[in-house]
Every structure is written in C-alpha cells, then in structure tokens.
Amino acid sequence: MARRDIIITMIPLDSDIQAAVDCLKHGGIILYPTDTVWGIGCDATRSDAVRRIFDIKRRSEAKAMITLVSDTDMLMRYVDNPPEVAVELAGLAVTPTTIIYDRPMRLASELLADDGSAGIRITSEAYSHGLCRKLRRPIVSTSANISGMQTPAFFHEISTDIINAVDYTAFYRRDDRTPHVPSTVIKISDDSTFAILRK
C-alpha cells in the first residue's frame, strides 16, 4: 500500500508554521521536526490535546512527556522560581538539553511526573522554535512512534498509523537525512543539585 505523504511538497516555511499553529490553537495534534527527531506535539497547556497524544502513542499516562519552549523568557513563565544555574544552562546549551524542573506551572497536569516535575527544553531549531514563538505557548514534544516501537530517525520512517492519527503534518525537513540524537536530560533540583539522567 502506497504512503499518502510520500510526495514532498514545498511550501514557504512561515506558511507551514502558521498552518501548524492554527491547528494547535484549536486543540489539534501535529507531526513536526524538532531539534532532535520528528515529534508529535500539541499545545502543552491543553489537557485534552495531551491526552490525545497518549492515545495516539498507546502510551501510559504514567510516562511524562517533554515540553519545548522558545527561549528563557518563555521558560520563566512556566517554571516557578527555577534555580539560576538551570536557567543559565538552558539558555547557553549548544546541543539539545532537556532540564527537569521541580516546580513547573501552567502546563497540562498530564505532562507532570509523579513527583510533580517536568522536562522542558529550549529549542533553537527553525521549525519548533517558530512554532513556540507564534503560538506563544510551550509545545509537547514526544517521539513519533507507537510506545514500545523503535523511534524513527527520519520522516520516511514514521508509520502511516501515526501520520493518519495527527491533524497536521509539517512539510519542512521531510526529506532531511541529517543524523540527530536524543537530547541530554539533566534533573536540577531547587537546591541546585543535579543528576545527568541521559547523555
């Protein structure tokens, strides 16, 4: 059976991002490129949308998902009094770095771990950064696969089950074959103690 999205159509990046933002504003789910791999995303403040992502991935809600923000200003609006060292690290990191904060706020409760913490990453990648800036809210980022299945490295590896389940699929970088790796994950507590959970 032929894949419906196999033809790469070029549209302006701004138009592609705007279409995705319009979808997100209505509670939609998008498939989009990030600073690591392709991700499934939604407005990170909407519980209804976050629950749909769990359903699409067939994933237990006990497993929290990462959130992307555009810059430190947006980060500060969604974390209550974060440690200064964490904000500095988030803003200066030159490779994708997800930091787990003790006291997130205004995010959908489904994004929080059992201890109330949440993983947040500042993205400088063109598409995901543009989404956060235009939406003016953080965006969920979780790998574009069914839970337990291999994470696709490139768009052409994403299953039709995922593509058919989302409301909008980005056009940008569909033909990109640049290798990407998962983000480093660091937990920084309120007392500034830290632990590297994934390199």
C-alpha atoms as a PDB file:
ATOM      1  CA  MET A   1       0.000   0.000   0.000  1.00  0.00           C
ATOM      2  CA  ALA A   2       1.436   3.369  -1.047  1.00  0.00           C
ATOM      3  CA  ARG A   3       2.045   6.003   1.602  1.00  0.00           C
ATOM      4  CA  ARG A   4      -0.114   9.079   1.193  1.00  0.00           C
ATOM      5  CA  ASP A   5       2.630  11.560   2.188  1.00  0.00           C
ATOM      6  CA  ILE A   6       5.453  10.203   0.049  1.00  0.00           C
ATOM      7  CA  ILE A   7       5.446  13.254  -2.273  1.00  0.00           C
ATOM      8  CA  ILE A   8       7.441  16.140  -0.814  1.00  0.00           C
ATOM      9  CA  THR A   9       5.589  19.385  -1.467  1.00  0.00           C
ATOM     10  CA  MET A  10       7.480  22.607  -0.885  1.00  0.00           C
ATOM     11  CA  ILE A  11       5.639  25.492   0.780  1.00  0.00           C
ATOM     12  CA  PRO A  12       7.166  28.551   2.486  1.00  0.00           C
ATOM     13  CA  LEU A  13       8.396  27.832   6.000  1.00  0.00           C
ATOM     14  CA  ASP A  14       6.350  30.676   7.505  1.00  0.00           C
ATOM     15  CA  SER A  15       3.168  29.339   5.888  1.00  0.00           C
ATOM     16  CA  ASP A  16       3.930  25.814   7.096  1.00  0.00           C
ATOM     17  CA  ILE A  17       4.473  27.030  10.671  1.00  0.00           C
ATOM     18  CA  GLN A  18       1.335  29.184  10.576  1.00  0.00           C
ATOM     19  CA  ALA A  19      -0.786  26.246   9.437  1.00  0.00           C
ATOM     20  CA  ALA A  20       0.576  24.162  12.304  1.00  0.00           C
ATOM     21  CA  VAL A  21      -0.077  26.974  14.805  1.00  0.00           C
ATOM     22  CA  ASP A  22      -3.664  27.333  13.573  1.00  0.00           C
ATOM     23  CA  CYS A  23      -4.101  23.615  14.195  1.00  0.00           C
ATOM     24  CA  LEU A  24      -2.594  23.847  17.686  1.00  0.00           C
ATOM     25  CA  LYS A  25      -4.843  26.763  18.638  1.00  0.00           C
ATOM     26  CA  HIS A  26      -7.872  24.538  18.029  1.00  0.00           C
ATOM     27  CA  GLY A  27      -6.525  21.729  20.196  1.00  0.00           C
ATOM     28  CA  GLY A  28      -5.072  19.803  17.260  1.00  0.00           C
ATOM     29  CA  ILE A  29      -2.158  17.378  17.143  1.00  0.00           C
ATOM     30  CA  ILE A  30       0.772  17.949  14.804  1.00  0.00           C
ATOM     31  CA  LEU A  31       3.677  15.913  13.450  1.00  0.00           C
ATOM     32  CA  TYR A  32       6.731  18.131  13.153  1.00  0.00           C
ATOM     33  CA  PRO A  33      10.553  18.278  13.067  1.00  0.00           C
ATOM     34  CA  THR A  34      12.384  19.248  16.253  1.00  0.00           C
ATOM     35  CA  ASP A  35      15.968  19.834  17.343  1.00  0.00           C
ATOM     36  CA  THR A  36      16.275  16.058  17.806  1.00  0.00           C
ATOM     37  CA  VAL A  37      13.931  13.714  15.884  1.00  0.00           C
ATOM     38  CA  TRP A  38      10.452  14.211  14.424  1.00  0.00           C
ATOM     39  CA  GLY A  39       7.885  14.649  17.169  1.00  0.00           C
ATOM     40  CA  ILE A  40       4.186  14.511  17.906  1.00  0.00           C
ATOM     41  CA  GLY A  41       3.071  17.745  19.522  1.00  0.00           C
ATOM     42  CA  CYS A  42       0.263  19.868  20.867  1.00  0.00           C
ATOM     43  CA  ASP A  43      -0.315  22.961  22.992  1.00  0.00           C
ATOM     44  CA  ALA A  44       1.305  21.923  26.276  1.00  0.00           C
ATOM     45  CA  THR A  45      -1.307  23.801  28.305  1.00  0.00           C
ATOM     46  CA  ARG A  46      -4.260  21.761  26.965  1.00  0.00           C
ATOM     47  CA  SER A  47      -5.034  18.552  28.837  1.00  0.00           C
ATOM     48  CA  ASP A  48      -7.467  17.353  26.168  1.00  0.00           C
ATOM     49  CA  ALA A  49      -4.788  17.546  23.473  1.00  0.00           C
ATOM     50  CA  VAL A  50      -2.130  15.936  25.664  1.00  0.00           C
ATOM     51  CA  ARG A  51      -4.456  13.010  26.382  1.00  0.00           C
ATOM     52  CA  ARG A  52      -4.964  12.534  22.631  1.00  0.00           C
ATOM     53  CA  ILE A  53      -1.215  12.161  22.191  1.00  0.00           C
ATOM     54  CA  PHE A  54      -1.127   9.453  24.846  1.00  0.00           C
ATOM     55  CA  ASP A  55      -3.924   7.699  22.953  1.00  0.00           C
ATOM     56  CA  ILE A  56      -2.120   8.022  19.594  1.00  0.00           C
ATOM     57  CA  LYS A  57       1.094   6.606  21.033  1.00  0.00           C
ATOM     58  CA  ARG A  58      -0.794   3.991  23.075  1.00  0.00           C
ATOM     59  CA  ARG A  59       1.321   5.121  25.970  1.00  0.00           C
ATOM     60  CA  SER A  60       0.688   5.023  29.694  1.00  0.00           C
ATOM     61  CA  GLU A  61      -0.005   8.436  31.203  1.00  0.00           C
ATOM     62  CA  ALA A  62       2.451   7.465  33.939  1.00  0.00           C
ATOM     63  CA  LYS A  63       5.250   8.312  31.464  1.00  0.00           C
ATOM     64  CA  ALA A  64       5.657  12.101  31.296  1.00  0.00           C
ATOM     65  CA  MET A  65       6.499  13.862  28.016  1.00  0.00           C
ATOM     66  CA  ILE A  66       8.943  16.670  27.242  1.00  0.00           C
ATOM     67  CA  THR A  67       7.860  20.249  26.544  1.00  0.00           C
ATOM     68  CA  LEU A  68       9.601  22.718  24.215  1.00  0.00           C
ATOM     69  CA  VAL A  69       9.869  26.480  24.751  1.00  0.00           C
ATOM     70  CA  SER A  70      11.356  29.184  22.536  1.00  0.00           C
ATOM     71  CA  ASP A  71      13.644  30.972  24.999  1.00  0.00           C
ATOM     72  CA  THR A  72      14.406  31.669  28.647  1.00  0.00           C
ATOM     73  CA  ASP A  73      11.599  34.251  28.857  1.00  0.00           C
ATOM     74  CA  MET A  74       9.029  31.598  27.984  1.00  0.00           C
ATOM     75  CA  LEU A  75      10.749  29.134  30.301  1.00  0.00           C
ATOM     76  CA  MET A  76      10.364  31.542  33.225  1.00  0.00           C
ATOM     77  CA  ARG A  77       6.618  31.774  32.617  1.00  0.00           C
ATOM     78  CA  TYR A  78       6.205  28.021  33.049  1.00  0.00           C
ATOM     79  CA  VAL A  79       8.590  27.236  35.910  1.00  0.00           C
ATOM     80  CA  ASP A  80       8.127  28.674  39.391  1.00  0.00           C
ATOM     81  CA  ASN A  81      11.385  30.270  40.584  1.00  0.00           C
ATOM     82  CA  PRO A  82      13.780  27.871  38.803  1.00  0.00           C
ATOM     83  CA  PRO A  83      17.377  27.579  40.061  1.00  0.00           C
ATOM     84  CA  GLU A  84      19.594  30.204  38.442  1.00  0.00           C
ATOM     85  CA  VAL A  85      22.079  27.562  37.297  1.00  0.00           C
ATOM     86  CA  ALA A  86      19.287  25.715  35.471  1.00  0.00           C
ATOM     87  CA  VAL A  87      18.175  28.833  33.582  1.00  0.00           C
ATOM     88  CA  GLU A  88      21.763  29.644  32.638  1.00  0.00           C
ATOM     89  CA  LEU A  89      22.396  26.112  31.409  1.00  0.00           C
ATOM     90  CA  ALA A  90      19.139  26.035  29.435  1.00  0.00           C
ATOM     91  CA  GLY A  91      19.980  29.307  27.712  1.00  0.00           C
ATOM     92  CA  LEU A  92      23.620  28.506  26.940  1.00  0.00           C
ATOM     93  CA  ALA A  93      23.376  24.853  25.871  1.00  0.00           C
ATOM     94  CA  VAL A  94      24.716  24.351  22.336  1.00  0.00           C
ATOM     95  CA  THR A  95      23.268  20.855  21.948  1.00  0.00           C
ATOM     96  CA  PRO A  96      19.672  19.794  22.746  1.00  0.00           C
ATOM     97  CA  THR A  97      19.420  19.705  26.543  1.00  0.00           C
ATOM     98  CA  THR A  98      16.250  18.874  28.452  1.00  0.00           C
ATOM     99  CA  ILE A  99      16.173  20.005  32.070  1.00  0.00           C
ATOM    100  CA  ILE A 100      13.781  18.525  34.596  1.00  0.00           C
ATOM    101  CA  TYR A 101      12.430  21.222  36.918  1.00  0.00           C
ATOM    102  CA  ASP A 102      10.867  20.646  40.326  1.00  0.00           C
ATOM    103  CA  ARG A 103       8.120  23.254  40.071  1.00  0.00           C
ATOM    104  CA  PRO A 104       6.594  23.644  36.617  1.00  0.00           C
ATOM    105  CA  MET A 105       3.402  25.696  36.364  1.00  0.00           C
ATOM    106  CA  ARG A 106       0.597  26.307  33.867  1.00  0.00           C
ATOM    107  CA  LEU A 107       1.361  23.078  31.978  1.00  0.00           C
ATOM    108  CA  ALA A 108      -1.249  20.366  31.489  1.00  0.00           C
ATOM    109  CA  SER A 109      -1.160  18.118  34.553  1.00  0.00           C
ATOM    110  CA  GLU A 110      -0.682  15.069  32.296  1.00  0.00           C
ATOM    111  CA  LEU A 111       2.833  16.323  31.477  1.00  0.00           C
ATOM    112  CA  LEU A 112       3.997  16.140  35.083  1.00  0.00           C
ATOM    113  CA  ALA A 113       5.888  13.207  36.573  1.00  0.00           C
ATOM    114  CA  ASP A 114       4.683  11.544  39.757  1.00  0.00           C
ATOM    115  CA  ASP A 115       6.835  13.919  41.817  1.00  0.00           C
ATOM    116  CA  GLY A 116       5.326  16.971  40.081  1.00  0.00           C
ATOM    117  CA  SER A 117       8.412  17.736  37.993  1.00  0.00           C
ATOM    118  CA  ALA A 118       8.505  18.309  34.226  1.00  0.00           C
ATOM    119  CA  GLY A 119      11.111  18.129  31.476  1.00  0.00           C
ATOM    120  CA  ILE A 120      11.459  21.341  29.455  1.00  0.00           C
ATOM    121  CA  ARG A 121      13.884  22.188  26.644  1.00  0.00           C
ATOM    122  CA  ILE A 122      14.663  25.440  24.845  1.00  0.00           C
ATOM    123  CA  THR A 123      14.718  24.766  21.110  1.00  0.00           C
ATOM    124  CA  SER A 124      16.625  26.822  18.554  1.00  0.00           C
ATOM    125  CA  GLU A 125      15.717  24.595  15.589  1.00  0.00           C
ATOM    126  CA  ALA A 126      13.889  26.675  12.959  1.00  0.00           C
ATOM    127  CA  TYR A 127      10.525  24.900  12.848  1.00  0.00           C
ATOM    128  CA  SER A 128       9.971  24.050  16.512  1.00  0.00           C
ATOM    129  CA  HIS A 129      11.311  27.428  17.644  1.00  0.00           C
ATOM    130  CA  GLY A 130       8.991  29.174  15.206  1.00  0.00           C
ATOM    131  CA  LEU A 131       6.018  27.172  16.497  1.00  0.00           C
ATOM    132  CA  CYS A 132       6.648  28.187  20.098  1.00  0.00           C
ATOM    133  CA  ARG A 133       7.130  31.842  19.182  1.00  0.00           C
ATOM    134  CA  LYS A 134       3.996  32.075  17.034  1.00  0.00           C
ATOM    135  CA  LEU A 135       1.802  30.095  19.404  1.00  0.00           C
ATOM    136  CA  ARG A 136       3.297  31.951  22.384  1.00  0.00           C
ATOM    137  CA  ARG A 137       2.997  28.797  24.423  1.00  0.00           C
ATOM    138  CA  PRO A 138       5.096  25.695  25.066  1.00  0.00           C
ATOM    139  CA  ILE A 139       4.619  22.668  22.826  1.00  0.00           C
ATOM    140  CA  VAL A 140       4.686  18.982  23.675  1.00  0.00           C
ATOM    141  CA  SER A 141       7.467  17.007  22.018  1.00  0.00           C
ATOM    142  CA  THR A 142       7.382  13.221  22.041  1.00  0.00           C
ATOM    143  CA  SER A 143       8.844  10.794  19.530  1.00  0.00           C
ATOM    144  CA  ALA A 144       6.693   9.951  16.507  1.00  0.00           C
ATOM    145  CA  ASN A 145       6.162   6.275  17.233  1.00  0.00           C
ATOM    146  CA  ILE A 146       3.797   3.883  18.944  1.00  0.00           C
ATOM    147  CA  SER A 147       5.033   3.304  22.507  1.00  0.00           C
ATOM    148  CA  GLY A 148       7.498   0.437  22.633  1.00  0.00           C
ATOM    149  CA  MET A 149       8.304   0.610  18.922  1.00  0.00           C
ATOM    150  CA  GLN A 150      11.589   1.919  17.510  1.00  0.00           C
ATOM    151  CA  THR A 151      11.876   5.705  17.330  1.00  0.00           C
ATOM    152  CA  PRO A 152      12.023   6.791  13.666  1.00  0.00           C
ATOM    153  CA  ALA A 153      15.155   8.765  12.843  1.00  0.00           C
ATOM    154  CA  PHE A 154      13.676  10.397   9.734  1.00  0.00           C
ATOM    155  CA  PHE A 155      10.267  11.336   8.356  1.00  0.00           C
ATOM    156  CA  HIS A 156      10.152   8.479   5.855  1.00  0.00           C
ATOM    157  CA  GLU A 157      10.439   6.010   8.750  1.00  0.00           C
ATOM    158  CA  ILE A 158       7.304   7.266  10.533  1.00  0.00           C
ATOM    159  CA  SER A 159       4.436   4.785  10.336  1.00  0.00           C
ATOM    160  CA  THR A 160       1.221   5.571   8.497  1.00  0.00           C
ATOM    161  CA  ASP A 161      -0.638   4.859  11.762  1.00  0.00           C
ATOM    162  CA  ILE A 162       0.989   7.957  13.260  1.00  0.00           C
ATOM    163  CA  ILE A 163       0.606  10.110  10.143  1.00  0.00           C
ATOM    164  CA  ASN A 164      -3.077   9.244   9.824  1.00  0.00           C
ATOM    165  CA  ALA A 165      -3.736   9.944  13.512  1.00  0.00           C
ATOM    166  CA  VAL A 166      -2.495  13.555  13.626  1.00  0.00           C
ATOM    167  CA  ASP A 167      -4.310  16.644  12.374  1.00  0.00           C
ATOM    168  CA  TYR A 168      -1.408  18.364  10.586  1.00  0.00           C
ATOM    169  CA  THR A 169       1.952  17.142   9.264  1.00  0.00           C
ATOM    170  CA  ALA A 170       4.727  19.641   8.654  1.00  0.00           C
ATOM    171  CA  PHE A 171       6.270  19.836   5.191  1.00  0.00           C
ATOM    172  CA  TYR A 172       9.580  21.284   6.369  1.00  0.00           C
ATOM    173  CA  ARG A 173      12.523  18.820   6.540  1.00  0.00           C
ATOM    174  CA  ARG A 174      10.558  15.788   5.307  1.00  0.00           C
ATOM    175  CA  ASP A 175      13.475  14.938   3.037  1.00  0.00           C
ATOM    176  CA  ASP A 176      16.161  15.698   5.639  1.00  0.00           C
ATOM    177  CA  ARG A 177      18.589  12.837   6.293  1.00  0.00           C
ATOM    178  CA  THR A 178      20.828  14.648   8.782  1.00  0.00           C
ATOM    179  CA  PRO A 179      21.551  12.366  11.772  1.00  0.00           C
ATOM    180  CA  HIS A 180      20.057  13.581  15.049  1.00  0.00           C
ATOM    181  CA  VAL A 181      20.420  12.232  18.569  1.00  0.00           C
ATOM    182  CA  PRO A 182      18.136  12.420  21.619  1.00  0.00           C
ATOM    183  CA  SER A 183      18.658  15.323  23.989  1.00  0.00           C
ATOM    184  CA  THR A 184      20.796  15.210  27.094  1.00  0.00           C
ATOM    185  CA  VAL A 185      18.485  15.030  30.120  1.00  0.00           C
ATOM    186  CA  ILE A 186      19.512  16.688  33.392  1.00  0.00           C
ATOM    187  CA  LYS A 187      17.485  16.971  36.587  1.00  0.00           C
ATOM    188  CA  ILE A 188      18.261  20.154  38.523  1.00  0.00           C
ATOM    189  CA  SER A 189      16.515  20.445  41.871  1.00  0.00           C
ATOM    190  CA  ASP A 190      15.538  23.586  43.748  1.00  0.00           C
ATOM    191  CA  ASP A 191      18.737  23.360  45.834  1.00  0.00           C
ATOM    192  CA  SER A 192      20.770  23.348  42.556  1.00  0.00           C
ATOM    193  CA  THR A 193      21.870  19.732  42.954  1.00  0.00           C
ATOM    194  CA  PHE A 194      21.811  17.930  39.619  1.00  0.00           C
ATOM    195  CA  ALA A 195      21.916  14.498  38.084  1.00  0.00           C
ATOM    196  CA  ILE A 196      22.558  13.594  34.445  1.00  0.00           C
ATOM    197  CA  LEU A 197      19.827  11.124  33.505  1.00  0.00           C
ATOM    198  CA  ARG A 198      20.778  10.727  29.838  1.00  0.00           C
ATOM    199  CA  LYS A 199      23.855  11.825  27.903  1.00  0.00           C
END
